[in-house]
Amino acid sequence: MVVNPHKQQGFVLAATLWALAIMFVAVGIFNAYVQRKMVLGLQAKAHMEQSLDQISTEQTVLYMLNTLRMTRAGITFKPQNLQAATEDGFMSTDPVGDEIWVDDTAYQGVGNTYFSIQDATGLVDINAPELTNLEQLLTQLEPNPVMRTRLLSSLTDYIDSDDLIGIGGAEKQDYLAKGMAPPSNDYLRSPAELQRVYTWNEWLKLHPNVDYLHWFGFARSSVMNVNAMSKELLVLVLGLSPDDAERYIIERHTNPVAYIAELGARYRIPEQQDMEERFRTYPSRLLRLSFWNKGGGQARTISLQLTPNGLLGPWQVDYEYSVQSVNKNNEPLAIRQSSLFKPTLGADIRAH
């Protein structure tokens, strides 16, 4: 039997074309697989770099907090001038102009990491022995006096160790009846714990404008630092007008008040009971640090206490949590005065 050579050549050509087609499909699939792996690799690399930038920034900030001194304006890189003692023999707390402010101002750290430092006494303390500042805040936020009493009494009952119920308050049986975990009968560990306090859990849901995670602290202090309070708290607690609060925040970065009476002289603040006892002008050793990356992702918040002579270390962490990043400031400041962040900093975005 004789095979037609033309038919044989056609069969070989068709087989070759099929083989080439299969090969091109296989190459395409392999190329898509490689591209996907490359994208995943780049994403993993970027995530790793962001994590390293956050860790580097955190460690650098902790180093600064434990090696630099504070003035009324914040943390300064300049050492204390031993000749600058006051007449009473105390060291000067006057600002020197290079401070890192401790009022939650956003700064640029390593790479694309931003950070802020908040003096805890610039917050309304929910563990304070005297809840006068919290009561003042609630007066501005809650028009119903009965509800204000319930909120304050419930918080007191949650913290105290007895089973006595205050007016409008709640104890174990009330929590169990609502299907809630009973009160801890101890100080709150963080502002987030307010979600577990009777009445507060429902009230906070009805008032999403109350930024309790950023407004409230737990330092067990009844005194607030006017040089570290946010605009909202200057208005709600101290009684400044929104315009005056904004002006003072700008002014205090270079000229913070030394006495509360001085602030009253600069601005017409409504007279309040025990103002000299309720407010201070110098930062405390209780701080809240926040770290986040440009472009979003998770933001970390760390609350700590500086303990330079402590047996367990130079600082003690009270609590730490992560939340979805929110841009606090679209123009984070670069620290010109320090070479600590120099390798990753560009030009200052605005003067500081």
Protein backbone atom coordinates (compact mmCIF):
# COMPACT_ATOMS: atom_id res chain seq x y z
CA MET A 1 0.00 0.00 0.00
CA VAL A 2 1.44 3.31 -1.07
CA VAL A 3 0.91 6.36 1.24
CA ASN A 4 0.33 9.67 -0.45
CA PRO A 5 3.33 11.86 0.55
CA HIS A 6 1.22 15.03 0.41
CA LYS A 7 -1.24 13.63 2.97
CA GLN A 8 1.67 12.60 5.21
CA GLN A 9 3.15 16.11 5.08
CA GLY A 10 -0.28 17.62 5.91
CA PHE A 11 -0.59 15.37 8.95
CA VAL A 12 2.89 16.36 10.18
CA LEU A 13 2.08 20.05 9.68
CA ALA A 14 -1.21 19.76 11.61
CA ALA A 15 0.52 17.87 14.46
CA THR A 16 3.23 20.52 14.58
CA LEU A 17 0.67 23.33 14.75
CA TRP A 18 -1.20 21.56 17.55
CA ALA A 19 2.04 21.04 19.44
CA LEU A 20 2.91 24.71 19.04
CA ALA A 21 -0.57 25.76 20.18
CA ILE A 22 -0.37 23.55 23.26
CA MET A 23 3.10 24.89 23.98
CA PHE A 24 1.93 28.52 23.70
CA VAL A 25 -1.02 27.80 26.02
CA ALA A 26 1.33 26.15 28.52
CA VAL A 27 3.75 29.09 28.30
CA GLY A 28 0.83 31.51 28.84
CA ILE A 29 -0.38 29.61 31.89
CA PHE A 30 3.14 29.44 33.28
CA ASN A 31 3.66 33.16 32.63
CA ALA A 32 0.39 34.04 34.42
CA TYR A 33 1.45 31.80 37.34
CA VAL A 34 4.84 33.52 37.55
CA GLN A 35 3.22 36.97 37.36
CA ARG A 36 0.84 36.09 40.22
CA LYS A 37 3.75 34.81 42.31
CA MET A 38 5.73 37.98 41.57
CA VAL A 39 2.79 40.17 42.67
CA LEU A 40 2.38 38.15 45.86
CA GLY A 41 6.13 38.36 46.46
CA LEU A 42 6.15 42.14 46.01
CA GLN A 43 3.16 42.48 48.33
CA ALA A 44 4.87 40.32 50.94
CA LYS A 45 8.05 42.39 50.58
CA ALA A 46 6.12 45.66 50.95
CA HIS A 47 4.31 44.30 54.02
CA MET A 48 7.61 43.19 55.53
CA GLU A 49 9.17 46.61 54.87
CA GLN A 50 6.18 48.37 56.45
CA SER A 51 6.41 46.12 59.51
CA LEU A 52 10.14 46.79 59.83
CA ASP A 53 9.55 50.55 59.43
CA GLN A 54 6.94 50.47 62.21
CA ILE A 55 9.21 48.49 64.54
CA SER A 56 12.16 50.79 63.81
CA THR A 57 10.02 53.88 64.42
CA GLU A 58 8.61 52.44 67.65
CA GLN A 59 12.05 51.58 69.03
CA THR A 60 13.44 55.00 68.06
CA VAL A 61 10.53 56.79 69.75
CA LEU A 62 10.99 54.70 72.91
CA TYR A 63 14.69 55.58 72.89
CA MET A 64 13.85 59.29 72.60
CA LEU A 65 11.31 59.14 75.41
CA ASN A 66 13.83 57.59 77.77
CA THR A 67 16.84 59.75 76.91
CA LEU A 68 15.42 63.22 76.25
CA ARG A 69 13.86 65.70 78.65
CA MET A 70 10.50 67.43 78.56
CA THR A 71 9.41 71.05 78.59
CA ARG A 72 5.88 72.41 78.78
CA ALA A 73 5.73 72.19 74.97
CA GLY A 74 6.84 68.56 74.70
CA ILE A 75 10.02 66.50 74.24
CA THR A 76 13.17 68.48 73.44
CA PHE A 77 16.52 67.42 72.00
CA LYS A 78 18.35 70.18 73.85
CA PRO A 79 19.89 69.30 77.25
CA GLN A 80 18.96 71.27 80.34
CA ASN A 81 20.92 74.46 80.85
CA LEU A 82 22.10 74.14 84.44
CA GLN A 83 22.29 77.93 84.70
CA ALA A 84 18.58 78.22 83.86
CA ALA A 85 17.25 77.26 87.29
CA THR A 86 14.41 79.35 88.62
CA GLU A 87 14.59 81.46 91.75
CA ASP A 88 13.10 78.54 93.70
CA GLY A 89 15.89 76.25 92.54
CA PHE A 90 13.80 74.22 90.08
CA MET A 91 14.91 73.52 86.52
CA SER A 92 13.27 75.60 83.81
CA THR A 93 10.38 74.04 81.88
CA ASP A 94 10.27 76.84 79.30
CA PRO A 95 9.99 75.67 75.67
CA VAL A 96 13.15 75.80 73.55
CA GLY A 97 11.58 75.53 70.08
CA ASP A 98 12.56 72.06 68.89
CA GLU A 99 9.98 70.03 70.83
CA ILE A 100 8.13 66.96 69.63
CA TRP A 101 4.63 67.87 70.74
CA VAL A 102 2.73 65.44 72.96
CA ASP A 103 -0.77 66.42 71.80
CA ASP A 104 -1.25 63.62 69.22
CA THR A 105 0.35 65.62 66.39
CA ALA A 106 1.37 63.32 63.52
CA TYR A 107 5.09 62.98 62.72
CA GLN A 108 6.95 61.11 60.01
CA GLY A 109 9.11 58.23 61.20
CA VAL A 110 11.10 55.61 59.31
CA GLY A 111 10.06 55.04 55.71
CA ASN A 112 6.31 55.53 55.29
CA THR A 113 5.55 55.08 58.98
CA TYR A 114 3.90 57.93 60.91
CA PHE A 115 3.64 58.28 64.67
CA SER A 116 2.12 60.50 67.33
CA ILE A 117 2.60 60.92 71.09
CA GLN A 118 -0.24 61.88 73.43
CA ASP A 119 0.29 62.89 77.05
CA ALA A 120 -2.32 60.84 78.94
CA THR A 121 -3.14 63.79 81.19
CA GLY A 122 -4.37 65.61 78.10
CA LEU A 123 -7.30 63.14 78.14
CA VAL A 124 -10.43 62.86 80.27
CA ASP A 125 -9.62 60.24 82.90
CA ILE A 126 -12.34 57.61 83.44
CA ASN A 127 -10.51 56.18 86.49
CA ALA A 128 -10.10 59.53 88.24
CA PRO A 129 -11.02 59.73 91.93
CA GLU A 130 -12.95 62.91 91.09
CA LEU A 131 -14.98 62.71 87.86
CA THR A 132 -15.46 66.48 87.55
CA ASN A 133 -13.86 66.67 84.08
CA LEU A 134 -15.91 63.72 82.82
CA GLU A 135 -19.03 65.31 84.27
CA GLN A 136 -18.22 68.57 82.47
CA LEU A 137 -17.75 66.66 79.20
CA LEU A 138 -21.07 64.82 79.61
CA THR A 139 -22.85 68.09 80.36
CA GLN A 140 -21.91 69.25 76.84
CA LEU A 141 -22.74 65.93 75.15
CA GLU A 142 -25.83 64.67 76.99
CA PRO A 143 -28.70 67.14 77.62
CA ASN A 144 -30.65 64.68 79.81
CA PRO A 145 -29.48 65.07 83.46
CA VAL A 146 -30.99 61.68 84.40
CA MET A 147 -28.87 59.96 81.75
CA ARG A 148 -25.76 61.83 82.90
CA THR A 149 -26.36 60.59 86.45
CA ARG A 150 -26.82 57.02 85.21
CA LEU A 151 -23.58 57.14 83.23
CA LEU A 152 -21.53 58.47 86.15
CA SER A 153 -23.12 56.10 88.70
CA SER A 154 -22.73 53.05 86.45
CA LEU A 155 -19.05 53.83 85.93
CA THR A 156 -18.50 54.28 89.69
CA ASP A 157 -20.34 51.01 90.47
CA TYR A 158 -18.28 49.18 87.83
CA ILE A 159 -15.02 50.29 89.47
CA ASP A 160 -15.77 50.14 93.20
CA SER A 161 -15.37 46.90 95.16
CA ASP A 162 -18.72 46.90 96.98
CA ASP A 163 -22.16 45.70 95.86
CA LEU A 164 -23.96 48.91 96.79
CA ILE A 165 -25.86 50.42 93.86
CA GLY A 166 -25.55 54.17 93.34
CA ILE A 167 -28.44 56.32 92.12
CA GLY A 168 -29.08 55.16 88.57
CA GLY A 169 -26.11 52.78 88.75
CA ALA A 170 -25.83 49.02 88.27
CA GLU A 171 -24.24 46.01 89.94
CA LYS A 172 -23.80 42.31 89.16
CA GLN A 173 -27.50 41.37 89.07
CA ASP A 174 -28.27 44.16 86.59
CA TYR A 175 -25.48 43.00 84.27
CA LEU A 176 -26.60 39.36 84.41
CA ALA A 177 -30.20 40.36 83.69
CA LYS A 178 -28.98 42.09 80.51
CA GLY A 179 -26.80 39.13 79.51
CA MET A 180 -23.63 41.12 80.16
CA ALA A 181 -20.46 40.04 81.93
CA PRO A 182 -20.51 41.26 85.56
CA PRO A 183 -18.45 44.36 86.50
CA SER A 184 -14.76 43.87 87.22
CA ASN A 185 -14.96 45.92 90.46
CA ASP A 186 -11.60 47.34 89.49
CA TYR A 187 -10.16 50.21 87.47
CA LEU A 188 -10.74 50.09 83.71
CA ARG A 189 -7.70 48.78 81.83
CA SER A 190 -8.34 50.88 78.71
CA PRO A 191 -11.01 53.22 77.29
CA ALA A 192 -12.27 50.32 75.15
CA GLU A 193 -13.54 48.65 78.35
CA LEU A 194 -16.29 51.28 78.51
CA GLN A 195 -18.14 49.02 76.06
CA ARG A 196 -18.58 46.58 78.96
CA VAL A 197 -20.00 49.15 81.40
CA TYR A 198 -23.75 49.16 82.00
CA THR A 199 -25.55 52.08 80.28
CA TRP A 200 -22.30 53.18 78.61
CA ASN A 201 -22.43 50.34 76.07
CA GLU A 202 -25.80 51.50 74.72
CA TRP A 203 -25.09 55.23 75.09
CA LEU A 204 -21.87 55.03 73.05
CA LYS A 205 -23.71 53.28 70.20
CA LEU A 206 -26.22 56.13 70.12
CA HIS A 207 -23.43 58.75 70.15
CA PRO A 208 -20.89 57.79 67.44
CA ASN A 209 -19.55 61.36 67.60
CA VAL A 210 -18.04 60.58 71.03
CA ASP A 211 -14.47 59.56 70.16
CA TYR A 212 -13.93 57.78 73.46
CA LEU A 213 -10.85 55.84 72.31
CA HIS A 214 -9.02 59.14 71.73
CA TRP A 215 -10.71 61.39 74.29
CA PHE A 216 -10.58 59.15 77.37
CA GLY A 217 -7.61 57.98 79.45
CA PHE A 218 -7.25 55.80 82.51
CA ALA A 219 -4.37 57.37 84.43
CA ARG A 220 -6.29 57.65 87.76
CA SER A 221 -5.69 61.38 87.77
CA SER A 222 -8.24 64.17 88.12
CA VAL A 223 -5.84 66.73 86.56
CA MET A 224 -5.66 67.52 82.83
CA ASN A 225 -2.78 69.08 80.89
CA VAL A 226 -4.13 72.04 78.89
CA ASN A 227 -0.97 71.98 76.73
CA ALA A 228 -1.84 68.47 75.48
CA MET A 229 -5.64 68.60 75.15
CA SER A 230 -7.24 68.19 71.73
CA LYS A 231 -9.37 70.90 70.17
CA GLU A 232 -12.54 68.96 71.06
CA LEU A 233 -11.60 68.65 74.73
CA LEU A 234 -10.50 72.28 74.99
CA VAL A 235 -14.01 73.16 73.86
CA LEU A 236 -16.02 70.53 75.76
CA VAL A 237 -14.11 70.45 79.05
CA LEU A 238 -12.26 73.76 79.36
CA GLY A 239 -14.93 75.89 77.70
CA LEU A 240 -12.94 77.58 74.92
CA SER A 241 -14.75 78.53 71.73
CA PRO A 242 -13.80 76.40 68.69
CA ASP A 243 -11.87 79.34 67.18
CA ASP A 244 -10.00 80.06 70.42
CA ALA A 245 -9.18 76.38 70.85
CA GLU A 246 -7.71 76.24 67.35
CA ARG A 247 -5.70 79.41 67.96
CA TYR A 248 -4.34 78.17 71.26
CA ILE A 249 -3.21 74.83 69.81
CA ILE A 250 -1.08 76.76 67.30
CA GLU A 251 0.14 79.19 69.95
CA ARG A 252 1.05 76.62 72.59
CA HIS A 253 3.54 74.88 70.31
CA THR A 254 5.85 77.85 70.78
CA ASN A 255 4.31 79.66 73.76
CA PRO A 256 2.46 77.22 76.06
CA VAL A 257 1.00 78.65 79.26
CA ALA A 258 2.82 78.09 82.53
CA TYR A 259 -0.23 78.72 84.74
CA ILE A 260 -3.94 78.15 84.22
CA ALA A 261 -4.64 81.77 85.18
CA GLU A 262 -2.44 82.77 82.24
CA LEU A 263 -4.70 80.88 79.86
CA GLY A 264 -7.74 82.57 81.38
CA ALA A 265 -6.09 85.92 80.76
CA ARG A 266 -5.38 85.13 77.11
CA TYR A 267 -8.88 83.82 76.38
CA ARG A 268 -12.23 84.49 78.00
CA ILE A 269 -12.76 81.12 79.64
CA PRO A 270 -15.94 80.66 81.68
CA GLU A 271 -15.05 80.36 85.35
CA GLN A 272 -15.18 76.78 86.64
CA GLN A 273 -14.84 75.28 90.09
CA ASP A 274 -11.29 74.40 91.24
CA MET A 275 -9.65 75.18 87.87
CA GLU A 276 -6.18 75.45 89.40
CA GLU A 277 -6.59 72.00 90.94
CA ARG A 278 -8.14 70.41 87.84
CA PHE A 279 -5.66 71.52 85.19
CA ARG A 280 -1.89 71.46 84.75
CA THR A 281 0.60 72.73 82.15
CA TYR A 282 3.42 70.14 82.18
CA PRO A 283 3.43 66.66 80.54
CA SER A 284 3.21 63.52 82.66
CA ARG A 285 5.11 60.23 82.33
CA LEU A 286 1.95 58.50 81.12
CA LEU A 287 1.88 58.47 77.32
CA ARG A 288 -0.11 56.99 74.46
CA LEU A 289 1.87 56.18 71.29
CA SER A 290 0.29 55.55 67.88
CA PHE A 291 2.00 54.11 64.79
CA TRP A 292 0.49 53.73 61.32
CA ASN A 293 1.61 53.48 57.69
CA LYS A 294 0.88 55.82 54.82
CA GLY A 295 -1.92 54.42 52.70
CA GLY A 296 -3.86 52.65 55.44
CA GLY A 297 -3.66 49.22 57.04
CA GLN A 298 -3.48 48.49 60.74
CA ALA A 299 -2.58 51.23 63.22
CA ARG A 300 -1.03 50.25 66.57
CA THR A 301 -1.72 52.08 69.82
CA ILE A 302 0.47 51.57 72.89
CA SER A 303 -0.23 53.07 76.30
CA LEU A 304 2.78 53.12 78.60
CA GLN A 305 4.27 54.69 81.68
CA LEU A 306 7.88 55.88 81.76
CA THR A 307 9.65 54.35 84.75
CA PRO A 308 13.33 55.38 84.42
CA ASN A 309 14.17 54.04 87.88
CA GLY A 310 11.81 51.05 87.72
CA LEU A 311 12.94 47.57 88.68
CA LEU A 312 11.19 46.04 85.64
CA GLY A 313 12.59 48.41 83.02
CA PRO A 314 12.52 52.03 81.82
CA TRP A 315 8.87 51.76 80.77
CA GLN A 316 5.80 49.65 81.51
CA VAL A 317 3.13 48.96 78.88
CA ASP A 318 -0.43 49.30 80.20
CA TYR A 319 -2.27 48.16 77.07
CA GLU A 320 -1.79 47.74 73.32
CA TYR A 321 -4.25 47.22 70.48
CA SER A 322 -4.54 47.51 66.69
CA VAL A 323 -7.32 49.21 64.74
CA GLN A 324 -7.95 50.14 61.13
CA SER A 325 -5.74 53.09 60.23
CA VAL A 326 -7.38 56.51 60.02
CA ASN A 327 -5.51 59.53 58.65
CA LYS A 328 -5.25 61.99 61.55
CA ASN A 329 -3.18 64.45 59.61
CA ASN A 330 -2.55 64.59 55.88
CA GLU A 331 0.67 66.52 56.48
CA PRO A 332 2.77 64.67 59.06
CA LEU A 333 5.71 66.71 60.32
CA ALA A 334 9.32 65.78 59.73
CA ILE A 335 11.70 66.19 62.66
CA ARG A 336 14.44 68.46 61.35
CA GLN A 337 16.31 68.71 64.64
CA SER A 338 17.19 65.03 64.86
CA SER A 339 19.28 62.69 62.71
CA LEU A 340 17.40 59.71 64.20
CA PHE A 341 14.99 59.59 61.24
CA LYS A 342 17.28 61.33 58.74
CA PRO A 343 17.86 58.43 56.28
CA THR A 344 14.17 58.30 55.35
CA LEU A 345 13.03 61.90 55.69
CA GLY A 346 12.54 64.30 52.83
CA ALA A 347 11.97 68.04 53.09
CA ASP A 348 9.67 69.27 55.83
CA ILE A 349 6.08 69.51 54.68
CA ARG A 350 5.50 72.57 56.83
CA ALA A 351 7.67 74.61 59.11
CA HIS A 352 8.37 73.23 62.58
